[in-house]
Amino acid sequence: MSGNTILIQDVMGEKVASFTREKQAVVNYNKSLLDAYKLGIQEGLATGLGFGLVMFITFGTYALAIWFGRKMIVDKGYSRGSVINASPCMSAFVTSQVAAYKMFETIKSKLEIDASKTSGKKLDDIRGDIELRDVHFSYPARSDEQIFSGFSLSIPSGTAAALVGQSGSGKSTVISLIE
C-alpha cells in the first residue's frame, strides 16, 4: 500500500483499503442486507400464519355456536332468548370441567408418604415447645413501620394457639419464623 492509502473497516470486520476493495465491501454489505430481508419475510410469514390460525379458531368457534344455536331453535323449539342466555353458562361449564380435571388428578395422584403405614423411623422424644424471644421486625417495603418490637411468644407442647390480627399485623411472619 502506498503512503496515502487509507484503511477502513467494513461491516463484516474486514479491513478495506480505500480505492482497492470497496466493491467487495459493498457486495458483503448487500449480502448481509439480503439475509436480514429473508429473515424478515420468514418472521412475517410465521406471524401472519399464527395470527390467521388464532382468528380462524376464534371465528370458527363463533360460527359453531351460531350453528348450534340455530339447530336448537329449529329442531328443539328453543326460543332465541334462551339460546342467548345459555351462552354464558357454557363458559362456566368449561371452567368447571378444567377445575374438576385438576381436582381429580390431585385425588388420583399417589402420595410419596403413606400416613396410614406404621413402619418407618420413629423418633424417641420429641417436644414441640415453641418460643420466640424479643423479635423485632418490619417489612422491607415499609421499613419505617415496626411490626414487631420486642415480640415474645411461648407455646408449650400439646397446647393449641391462634394468631389473630388485622391484615399486615405479622401473623404470617410469625408462622414463617416458627417453620
C-alpha atoms as a PDB file:
ATOM      1  CA  MET A   1       0.000   0.000   0.000  1.00  0.00           C
ATOM      2  CA  SER A   2       1.229   3.495  -0.716  1.00  0.00           C
ATOM      3  CA  GLY A   3       1.692   6.121   1.983  1.00  0.00           C
ATOM      4  CA  ASN A   4      -1.586   7.911   1.227  1.00  0.00           C
ATOM      5  CA  THR A   5      -3.834   4.789   1.234  1.00  0.00           C
ATOM      6  CA  ILE A   6      -6.479   4.988   3.987  1.00  0.00           C
ATOM      7  CA  LEU A   7      -7.558   1.830   5.851  1.00  0.00           C
ATOM      8  CA  ILE A   8     -11.168   1.496   6.988  1.00  0.00           C
ATOM      9  CA  GLN A   9     -13.222  -1.422   8.359  1.00  0.00           C
ATOM     10  CA  ASP A  10     -16.345  -2.669   6.628  1.00  0.00           C
ATOM     11  CA  VAL A  11     -19.458  -4.081   8.326  1.00  0.00           C
ATOM     12  CA  MET A  12     -18.022  -7.614   8.262  1.00  0.00           C
ATOM     13  CA  GLY A  13     -14.967  -6.510  10.242  1.00  0.00           C
ATOM     14  CA  GLU A  14     -12.584  -6.766   7.282  1.00  0.00           C
ATOM     15  CA  LYS A  15     -10.016  -4.115   6.592  1.00  0.00           C
ATOM     16  CA  VAL A  16     -10.726  -2.288   3.378  1.00  0.00           C
ATOM     17  CA  ALA A  17      -8.099  -0.233   1.665  1.00  0.00           C
ATOM     18  CA  SER A  18      -9.536   2.815   0.006  1.00  0.00           C
ATOM     19  CA  PHE A  19      -9.607   2.566  -3.801  1.00  0.00           C
ATOM     20  CA  THR A  20      -8.926  -1.201  -3.751  1.00  0.00           C
ATOM     21  CA  ARG A  21     -11.673  -3.266  -2.007  1.00  0.00           C
ATOM     22  CA  GLU A  22     -14.703  -1.008  -1.963  1.00  0.00           C
ATOM     23  CA  LYS A  23     -16.639  -3.219  -4.380  1.00  0.00           C
ATOM     24  CA  GLN A  24     -16.105  -6.292  -2.192  1.00  0.00           C
ATOM     25  CA  ALA A  25     -17.264  -4.347   0.872  1.00  0.00           C
ATOM     26  CA  VAL A  26     -20.441  -3.310  -0.949  1.00  0.00           C
ATOM     27  CA  VAL A  27     -21.074  -6.927  -2.037  1.00  0.00           C
ATOM     28  CA  ASN A  28     -20.635  -8.166   1.555  1.00  0.00           C
ATOM     29  CA  TYR A  29     -22.940  -5.428   2.859  1.00  0.00           C
ATOM     30  CA  ASN A  30     -25.623  -6.209   0.262  1.00  0.00           C
ATOM     31  CA  LYS A  31     -25.390  -9.924   1.107  1.00  0.00           C
ATOM     32  CA  SER A  32     -25.951  -9.095   4.812  1.00  0.00           C
ATOM     33  CA  LEU A  33     -28.948  -6.944   3.890  1.00  0.00           C
ATOM     34  CA  LEU A  34     -30.380  -9.746   1.748  1.00  0.00           C
ATOM     35  CA  ASP A  35     -30.024 -12.250   4.629  1.00  0.00           C
ATOM     36  CA  ALA A  36     -31.793  -9.858   7.007  1.00  0.00           C
ATOM     37  CA  TYR A  37     -34.534  -9.291   4.407  1.00  0.00           C
ATOM     38  CA  LYS A  38     -35.106 -13.049   4.018  1.00  0.00           C
ATOM     39  CA  LEU A  39     -35.323 -13.488   7.802  1.00  0.00           C
ATOM     40  CA  GLY A  40     -37.816 -10.623   7.977  1.00  0.00           C
ATOM     41  CA  ILE A  41     -40.005 -12.297   5.369  1.00  0.00           C
ATOM     42  CA  GLN A  42     -39.900 -15.605   7.283  1.00  0.00           C
ATOM     43  CA  GLU A  43     -40.794 -13.836  10.526  1.00  0.00           C
ATOM     44  CA  GLY A  44     -43.688 -12.025   8.874  1.00  0.00           C
ATOM     45  CA  LEU A  45     -44.947 -15.258   7.362  1.00  0.00           C
ATOM     46  CA  ALA A  46     -44.829 -17.074  10.717  1.00  0.00           C
ATOM     47  CA  THR A  47     -46.563 -14.174  12.483  1.00  0.00           C
ATOM     48  CA  GLY A  48     -49.242 -13.955   9.796  1.00  0.00           C
ATOM     49  CA  LEU A  49     -49.936 -17.688   9.838  1.00  0.00           C
ATOM     50  CA  GLY A  50     -50.093 -17.743  13.648  1.00  0.00           C
ATOM     51  CA  PHE A  51     -52.451 -14.787  13.805  1.00  0.00           C
ATOM     52  CA  GLY A  52     -54.553 -16.241  10.988  1.00  0.00           C
ATOM     53  CA  LEU A  53     -54.853 -19.539  12.842  1.00  0.00           C
ATOM     54  CA  VAL A  54     -55.949 -17.793  16.051  1.00  0.00           C
ATOM     55  CA  MET A  55     -58.555 -15.785  14.156  1.00  0.00           C
ATOM     56  CA  PHE A  56     -59.746 -18.915  12.336  1.00  0.00           C
ATOM     57  CA  ILE A  57     -60.256 -20.713  15.645  1.00  0.00           C
ATOM     58  CA  THR A  58     -61.988 -17.700  17.195  1.00  0.00           C
ATOM     59  CA  PHE A  59     -64.406 -17.107  14.337  1.00  0.00           C
ATOM     60  CA  GLY A  60     -64.849 -20.849  13.778  1.00  0.00           C
ATOM     61  CA  THR A  61     -65.977 -21.127  17.391  1.00  0.00           C
ATOM     62  CA  TYR A  62     -68.437 -18.274  16.852  1.00  0.00           C
ATOM     63  CA  ALA A  63     -69.758 -19.974  13.710  1.00  0.00           C
ATOM     64  CA  LEU A  64     -70.150 -23.268  15.545  1.00  0.00           C
ATOM     65  CA  ALA A  65     -72.033 -21.564  18.381  1.00  0.00           C
ATOM     66  CA  ILE A  66     -74.351 -19.797  15.934  1.00  0.00           C
ATOM     67  CA  TRP A  67     -74.949 -23.039  14.023  1.00  0.00           C
ATOM     68  CA  PHE A  68     -75.688 -24.964  17.228  1.00  0.00           C
ATOM     69  CA  GLY A  69     -77.973 -22.180  18.500  1.00  0.00           C
ATOM     70  CA  ARG A  70     -79.896 -22.241  15.230  1.00  0.00           C
ATOM     71  CA  LYS A  71     -80.175 -26.026  15.458  1.00  0.00           C
ATOM     72  CA  MET A  72     -81.567 -25.772  18.997  1.00  0.00           C
ATOM     73  CA  ILE A  73     -84.132 -23.173  17.882  1.00  0.00           C
ATOM     74  CA  VAL A  74     -85.263 -25.043  14.760  1.00  0.00           C
ATOM     75  CA  ASP A  75     -85.041 -28.677  15.920  1.00  0.00           C
ATOM     76  CA  LYS A  76     -85.757 -28.448  19.642  1.00  0.00           C
ATOM     77  CA  GLY A  77     -88.086 -25.439  19.759  1.00  0.00           C
ATOM     78  CA  TYR A  78     -85.888 -23.246  21.964  1.00  0.00           C
ATOM     79  CA  SER A  79     -86.519 -19.511  21.884  1.00  0.00           C
ATOM     80  CA  ARG A  80     -83.805 -17.104  20.712  1.00  0.00           C
ATOM     81  CA  GLY A  81     -83.596 -15.609  24.183  1.00  0.00           C
ATOM     82  CA  SER A  82     -82.973 -18.962  25.879  1.00  0.00           C
ATOM     83  CA  VAL A  83     -80.177 -19.751  23.408  1.00  0.00           C
ATOM     84  CA  ILE A  84     -78.523 -16.390  24.031  1.00  0.00           C
ATOM     85  CA  ASN A  85     -78.959 -16.740  27.810  1.00  0.00           C
ATOM     86  CA  ALA A  86     -77.320 -20.171  27.709  1.00  0.00           C
ATOM     87  CA  SER A  87     -74.087 -18.933  26.111  1.00  0.00           C
ATOM     88  CA  PRO A  88     -72.510 -17.515  29.310  1.00  0.00           C
ATOM     89  CA  CYS A  89     -73.292 -20.808  31.040  1.00  0.00           C
ATOM     90  CA  MET A  90     -71.131 -22.632  28.525  1.00  0.00           C
ATOM     91  CA  SER A  91     -68.024 -20.824  29.707  1.00  0.00           C
ATOM     92  CA  ALA A  92     -68.927 -21.733  33.293  1.00  0.00           C
ATOM     93  CA  PHE A  93     -69.193 -25.394  32.250  1.00  0.00           C
ATOM     94  CA  VAL A  94     -65.793 -25.288  30.584  1.00  0.00           C
ATOM     95  CA  THR A  95     -64.229 -23.585  33.614  1.00  0.00           C
ATOM     96  CA  SER A  96     -65.763 -26.148  35.956  1.00  0.00           C
ATOM     97  CA  GLN A  97     -64.546 -29.009  33.757  1.00  0.00           C
ATOM     98  CA  VAL A  98     -60.987 -27.681  33.932  1.00  0.00           C
ATOM     99  CA  ALA A  99     -61.209 -27.272  37.710  1.00  0.00           C
ATOM    100  CA  ALA A 100     -62.716 -30.742  38.133  1.00  0.00           C
ATOM    101  CA  TYR A 101     -59.992 -32.288  35.975  1.00  0.00           C
ATOM    102  CA  LYS A 102     -57.281 -30.715  38.144  1.00  0.00           C
ATOM    103  CA  MET A 103     -59.083 -31.781  41.325  1.00  0.00           C
ATOM    104  CA  PHE A 104     -59.481 -35.404  40.182  1.00  0.00           C
ATOM    105  CA  GLU A 105     -55.840 -35.536  39.079  1.00  0.00           C
ATOM    106  CA  THR A 106     -54.852 -34.423  42.583  1.00  0.00           C
ATOM    107  CA  ILE A 107     -57.123 -37.022  44.173  1.00  0.00           C
ATOM    108  CA  LYS A 108     -55.765 -39.812  41.929  1.00  0.00           C
ATOM    109  CA  SER A 109     -52.117 -38.864  42.497  1.00  0.00           C
ATOM    110  CA  LYS A 110     -50.066 -41.260  44.611  1.00  0.00           C
ATOM    111  CA  LEU A 111     -48.555 -39.683  47.701  1.00  0.00           C
ATOM    112  CA  GLU A 112     -44.900 -40.336  48.480  1.00  0.00           C
ATOM    113  CA  ILE A 113     -45.681 -40.651  52.193  1.00  0.00           C
ATOM    114  CA  ASP A 114     -48.433 -43.014  53.319  1.00  0.00           C
ATOM    115  CA  ALA A 115     -49.765 -41.725  56.650  1.00  0.00           C
ATOM    116  CA  SER A 116     -51.603 -44.991  57.365  1.00  0.00           C
ATOM    117  CA  LYS A 117     -48.410 -47.077  57.492  1.00  0.00           C
ATOM    118  CA  THR A 118     -46.813 -47.597  60.892  1.00  0.00           C
ATOM    119  CA  SER A 119     -43.408 -48.544  59.507  1.00  0.00           C
ATOM    120  CA  GLY A 120     -40.622 -46.053  59.265  1.00  0.00           C
ATOM    121  CA  LYS A 121     -38.252 -44.223  61.563  1.00  0.00           C
ATOM    122  CA  LYS A 122     -39.659 -43.388  64.984  1.00  0.00           C
ATOM    123  CA  LEU A 123     -38.075 -40.606  66.981  1.00  0.00           C
ATOM    124  CA  ASP A 124     -37.750 -41.191  70.714  1.00  0.00           C
ATOM    125  CA  ASP A 125     -38.536 -37.923  72.438  1.00  0.00           C
ATOM    126  CA  ILE A 126     -39.973 -35.013  70.545  1.00  0.00           C
ATOM    127  CA  ARG A 127     -41.249 -31.963  72.371  1.00  0.00           C
ATOM    128  CA  GLY A 128     -42.851 -29.286  70.273  1.00  0.00           C
ATOM    129  CA  ASP A 129     -42.283 -26.307  72.521  1.00  0.00           C
ATOM    130  CA  ILE A 130     -42.272 -23.076  70.528  1.00  0.00           C
ATOM    131  CA  GLU A 131     -40.607 -19.946  71.791  1.00  0.00           C
ATOM    132  CA  LEU A 132     -39.826 -16.623  70.165  1.00  0.00           C
ATOM    133  CA  ARG A 133     -37.900 -14.061  72.224  1.00  0.00           C
ATOM    134  CA  ASP A 134     -37.554 -10.343  71.651  1.00  0.00           C
ATOM    135  CA  VAL A 135     -38.342 -10.372  67.911  1.00  0.00           C
ATOM    136  CA  HIS A 136     -38.029  -7.062  66.042  1.00  0.00           C
ATOM    137  CA  PHE A 137     -39.413  -6.938  62.512  1.00  0.00           C
ATOM    138  CA  SER A 138     -40.575  -4.533  59.813  1.00  0.00           C
ATOM    139  CA  TYR A 139     -41.463  -5.268  56.211  1.00  0.00           C
ATOM    140  CA  PRO A 140     -38.822  -4.209  53.663  1.00  0.00           C
ATOM    141  CA  ALA A 141     -41.410  -2.161  51.755  1.00  0.00           C
ATOM    142  CA  ARG A 142     -42.466  -0.378  54.968  1.00  0.00           C
ATOM    143  CA  SER A 143     -39.203  -0.223  56.910  1.00  0.00           C
ATOM    144  CA  ASP A 144     -40.351   2.856  58.870  1.00  0.00           C
ATOM    145  CA  GLU A 145     -43.346   0.963  60.341  1.00  0.00           C
ATOM    146  CA  GLN A 146     -42.339  -1.541  63.047  1.00  0.00           C
ATOM    147  CA  ILE A 147     -44.489  -4.722  63.009  1.00  0.00           C
ATOM    148  CA  PHE A 148     -42.768  -6.418  65.964  1.00  0.00           C
ATOM    149  CA  SER A 149     -40.843  -4.528  68.584  1.00  0.00           C
ATOM    150  CA  GLY A 150     -39.638  -6.925  71.262  1.00  0.00           C
ATOM    151  CA  PHE A 151     -42.316  -9.543  70.441  1.00  0.00           C
ATOM    152  CA  SER A 152     -42.119 -12.733  72.536  1.00  0.00           C
ATOM    153  CA  LEU A 153     -44.253 -15.854  72.278  1.00  0.00           C
ATOM    154  CA  SER A 154     -44.168 -19.149  74.197  1.00  0.00           C
ATOM    155  CA  ILE A 155     -46.394 -22.097  73.274  1.00  0.00           C
ATOM    156  CA  PRO A 156     -45.809 -25.297  75.297  1.00  0.00           C
ATOM    157  CA  SER A 157     -46.006 -28.701  73.594  1.00  0.00           C
ATOM    158  CA  GLY A 158     -49.564 -30.006  73.225  1.00  0.00           C
ATOM    159  CA  THR A 159     -51.154 -26.560  73.520  1.00  0.00           C
ATOM    160  CA  ALA A 160     -53.412 -25.117  70.814  1.00  0.00           C
ATOM    161  CA  ALA A 161     -52.877 -21.455  69.960  1.00  0.00           C
ATOM    162  CA  ALA A 162     -54.382 -18.993  67.498  1.00  0.00           C
ATOM    163  CA  LEU A 163     -52.885 -15.888  65.923  1.00  0.00           C
ATOM    164  CA  VAL A 164     -55.432 -13.162  65.377  1.00  0.00           C
ATOM    165  CA  GLY A 165     -54.990  -9.662  63.974  1.00  0.00           C
ATOM    166  CA  GLN A 166     -55.635  -7.321  61.124  1.00  0.00           C
ATOM    167  CA  SER A 167     -54.033  -7.646  57.731  1.00  0.00           C
ATOM    168  CA  GLY A 168     -50.334  -6.785  57.834  1.00  0.00           C
ATOM    169  CA  SER A 169     -50.003  -7.294  61.583  1.00  0.00           C
ATOM    170  CA  GLY A 170     -47.447 -10.103  61.233  1.00  0.00           C
ATOM    171  CA  LYS A 171     -49.441 -13.329  61.629  1.00  0.00           C
ATOM    172  CA  SER A 172     -47.886 -14.971  58.573  1.00  0.00           C
ATOM    173  CA  THR A 173     -44.458 -13.707  59.635  1.00  0.00           C
ATOM    174  CA  VAL A 174     -44.801 -15.476  62.982  1.00  0.00           C
ATOM    175  CA  ILE A 175     -45.751 -18.715  61.201  1.00  0.00           C
ATOM    176  CA  SER A 176     -42.764 -18.326  58.851  1.00  0.00           C
ATOM    177  CA  LEU A 177     -40.452 -17.838  61.839  1.00  0.00           C
ATOM    178  CA  ILE A 178     -41.847 -20.952  63.511  1.00  0.00           C
ATOM    179  CA  GLU A 179     -41.450 -23.015  60.343  1.00  0.00           C
END
